[in-house]
Each structure stands twice: as C-alpha cells, then as structure tokens.
Protein backbone atom coordinates (compact mmCIF):
# COMPACT_ATOMS: atom_id res chain seq x y z
CA MET A 1 113.53 115.41 107.53
CA ASN A 2 113.98 114.62 111.17
CA ARG A 3 112.46 116.89 113.78
CA PRO A 4 113.53 117.38 117.35
CA GLY A 5 112.08 114.52 119.39
CA ASP A 6 111.44 112.22 116.45
CA THR A 7 113.05 108.78 116.68
CA ALA A 8 113.43 106.09 114.04
CA ILE A 9 110.08 104.56 114.96
CA HIS A 10 108.35 107.95 114.62
CA ARG A 11 109.73 108.41 111.19
CA ALA A 12 108.84 104.84 110.12
CA CYS A 13 105.25 105.40 111.35
CA ALA A 14 104.96 108.79 109.65
CA CYS A 15 106.26 107.33 106.38
CA GLY A 16 104.06 104.19 106.58
CA HIS A 17 106.94 101.77 106.47
CA SER A 18 105.27 98.78 108.31
CA SER A 19 108.24 96.49 107.53
CA ILE A 20 110.66 98.98 109.16
CA VAL A 21 108.31 99.39 112.17
CA GLN A 22 108.38 95.64 112.55
CA ALA A 23 112.21 95.51 112.17
CA LEU A 24 112.64 98.20 114.77
CA MET A 25 110.36 96.32 117.16
CA ALA A 26 112.24 93.12 116.51
CA ALA A 27 115.47 94.91 117.33
CA GLY A 28 114.09 95.89 120.77
CA VAL A 29 112.14 99.12 120.36
CA ASN A 30 109.48 98.98 123.05
CA VAL A 31 106.32 100.58 121.63
CA LYS A 32 104.50 100.04 124.99
CA ASP A 33 106.69 102.87 126.47
CA ILE A 34 104.80 106.14 126.98
CA SER A 35 107.95 108.08 126.03
CA HIS A 36 107.31 107.21 122.34
CA THR A 37 105.83 110.66 121.74
CA ASN A 38 107.53 113.11 119.42
CA CYS A 39 108.06 116.88 119.52
CA ASP A 40 104.35 117.38 118.74
CA ARG A 41 103.58 115.07 121.71
CA SER A 42 101.86 112.64 119.37
CA SER A 43 101.64 108.92 120.07
CA LEU A 44 102.69 106.45 117.48
CA LEU A 45 99.07 105.51 116.67
CA THR A 46 98.18 109.19 116.32
CA ILE A 47 101.05 109.68 113.90
CA CYS A 48 99.74 106.73 111.83
CA ALA A 49 96.22 108.24 111.81
CA LYS A 50 97.42 111.77 110.93
CA ARG A 51 99.56 110.39 108.11
CA GLN A 52 96.93 107.96 106.95
CA ASN A 53 99.21 105.02 107.28
CA VAL A 54 96.85 102.02 107.86
CA SER A 55 99.61 99.46 107.28
CA THR A 56 101.55 100.56 110.40
CA VAL A 57 98.65 100.38 112.79
CA HIS A 58 98.34 96.54 112.96
CA PRO A 59 101.95 95.82 113.83
CA LEU A 60 101.87 98.53 116.55
CA LEU A 61 98.73 97.14 118.12
CA GLN A 62 99.98 93.59 117.97
CA ALA A 63 103.14 94.63 119.83
CA GLY A 64 101.05 96.27 122.56
CA THR A 65 101.07 99.87 121.78
CA ARG A 66 98.60 101.48 124.21
CA ILE A 67 95.52 102.53 122.33
CA LYS A 68 94.58 104.99 125.05
CA ASP A 69 97.65 107.22 124.64
CA ARG A 70 96.63 110.71 123.62
CA ASP A 71 97.95 113.39 121.28
CA ASN A 72 98.71 116.30 123.61
CA LEU A 73 99.60 118.96 120.96
CA TYR A 74 98.09 122.19 122.16
CA ASP A 75 96.80 120.28 125.16
CA ILE A 76 93.71 119.17 123.16
CA ASP A 77 94.16 115.48 124.22
CA ASP A 78 92.95 113.96 121.03
CA SER A 79 92.78 110.14 120.87
CA PRO A 80 94.10 108.26 117.86
CA LEU A 81 90.52 107.54 116.97
CA ILE A 82 89.61 111.26 116.90
CA GLN A 83 92.61 111.90 114.67
CA ALA A 84 91.60 109.04 112.39
CA THR A 85 88.13 110.41 112.24
CA ARG A 86 89.43 113.88 111.42
CA GLN A 87 91.47 112.42 108.63
CA SER A 88 88.48 110.41 107.30
CA GLN A 89 90.46 107.16 107.74
CA VAL A 90 87.51 104.67 108.23
CA ASP A 91 89.82 101.66 107.97
CA ILE A 92 91.98 102.95 110.75
CA MET A 93 88.88 103.93 112.73
CA HIS A 94 87.56 100.38 112.46
CA ILE A 95 90.99 98.76 113.44
CA LEU A 96 91.20 101.01 116.54
CA ALA A 97 87.60 100.46 117.57
CA VAL A 98 87.93 96.69 117.28
CA ALA A 99 91.16 96.93 119.31
CA GLY A 100 89.29 98.67 122.08
CA ALA A 101 89.44 102.40 121.43
CA ASP A 102 86.68 104.12 123.31
CA VAL A 103 84.34 105.57 120.65
CA ASN A 104 82.60 107.60 123.39
CA SER A 105 85.72 109.41 124.69
CA LYS A 106 86.23 113.04 124.13
CA ASN A 107 89.10 115.54 124.00
CA THR A 108 89.62 118.56 126.24
CA LEU A 109 87.51 120.68 123.89
CA GLY A 110 84.57 118.35 124.47
CA GLN A 111 84.74 116.87 120.94
CA PHE A 112 83.77 113.26 120.49
CA SER A 113 84.73 111.17 117.43
CA LEU A 114 81.16 111.13 116.29
CA SER A 115 80.81 114.93 116.50
CA THR A 116 84.11 115.25 114.60
CA ALA A 117 82.71 112.93 111.81
CA ILE A 118 79.54 114.93 111.62
CA LEU A 119 81.55 118.24 111.51
CA TYR A 120 83.56 116.83 108.53
CA LYS A 121 80.45 115.53 106.81
CA ASN A 122 81.79 112.00 106.64
CA SER A 123 78.90 109.58 106.52
CA ASP A 124 81.10 106.51 106.36
CA ALA A 125 82.89 107.57 109.55
CA VAL A 126 79.55 108.19 111.33
CA LYS A 127 78.41 104.70 110.30
CA CYS A 128 81.61 103.12 111.52
CA LEU A 129 81.45 104.89 114.90
CA LEU A 130 77.84 103.97 115.39
CA ALA A 131 78.57 100.38 114.55
CA HIS A 132 81.11 100.37 117.36
CA LYS A 133 79.33 102.45 119.89
CA SER A 134 78.82 100.89 123.29
CA GLY A 135 75.90 98.55 123.36
CA HIS A 136 75.89 97.98 119.65
C-alpha cells in the first residue's frame, strides 16, 4: 500500500527489491537528492534499516546515497545506523560503518548507537560498534 509521500524508490527499499532499486536508479532516480524522504521523513537508508533489507543498502551506497541523512520522525533525528542497531541488523550496521557512518553520533534524545545496542541487549551489535569505533 502506498502512503502519502512514498515514491517508487521508497516502496522498493521498503520491500527489499534491490533489482528494482537498481532499475529505478538506472532510469534516472537520483538517490543523492535530500528530497528522498517519505511521509515519515525517513531517508532511504533508514527505510532499509527499519525493514531489515540488507540487499538494498549496497546499491544505494554505491549510487551515492548520503549516509548522514537522518530520520526526522518525531524530530528524534535518528541515523540509519541507530535504526539498524534498534532492529538488531548487524550486517547493515557493518555496511554502514564501513561506508563512513559515524558510530559516535547521537540523536536529539542523546542516544548513541552503542547505548541503543546495550538497551536492546544485543551483544553482537555492541561488538560491531566497538570494532568500528573511532581509533579502533
């Protein structure tokens, strides 16, 4: 079901259709554009993290999707990395961290990815974040 503000690329990311994401980008959809947020004000990478769609993350990053775009739902300002941590998606967390996501950034509530992983009792997520922490 389409929601107000959703585009074809939002739906493809939400459903984990990496081949459709790639076809849309090949047809001219510019994923570098900040306007690619949906009615929840979620970035494409945040949508992938929320929906646990690891297969769509690589094509988006390769096409230049900005890793620092934030999810502004409720003005919490979550990063895709915090969303992936919240969803216990260690594979996505690793991909985002390798691509340059700041593992030390926090949202407007003062929550870091690491504190989120601890809150959700996810030791694999904690290990992943510590492995990518600045200076390691």
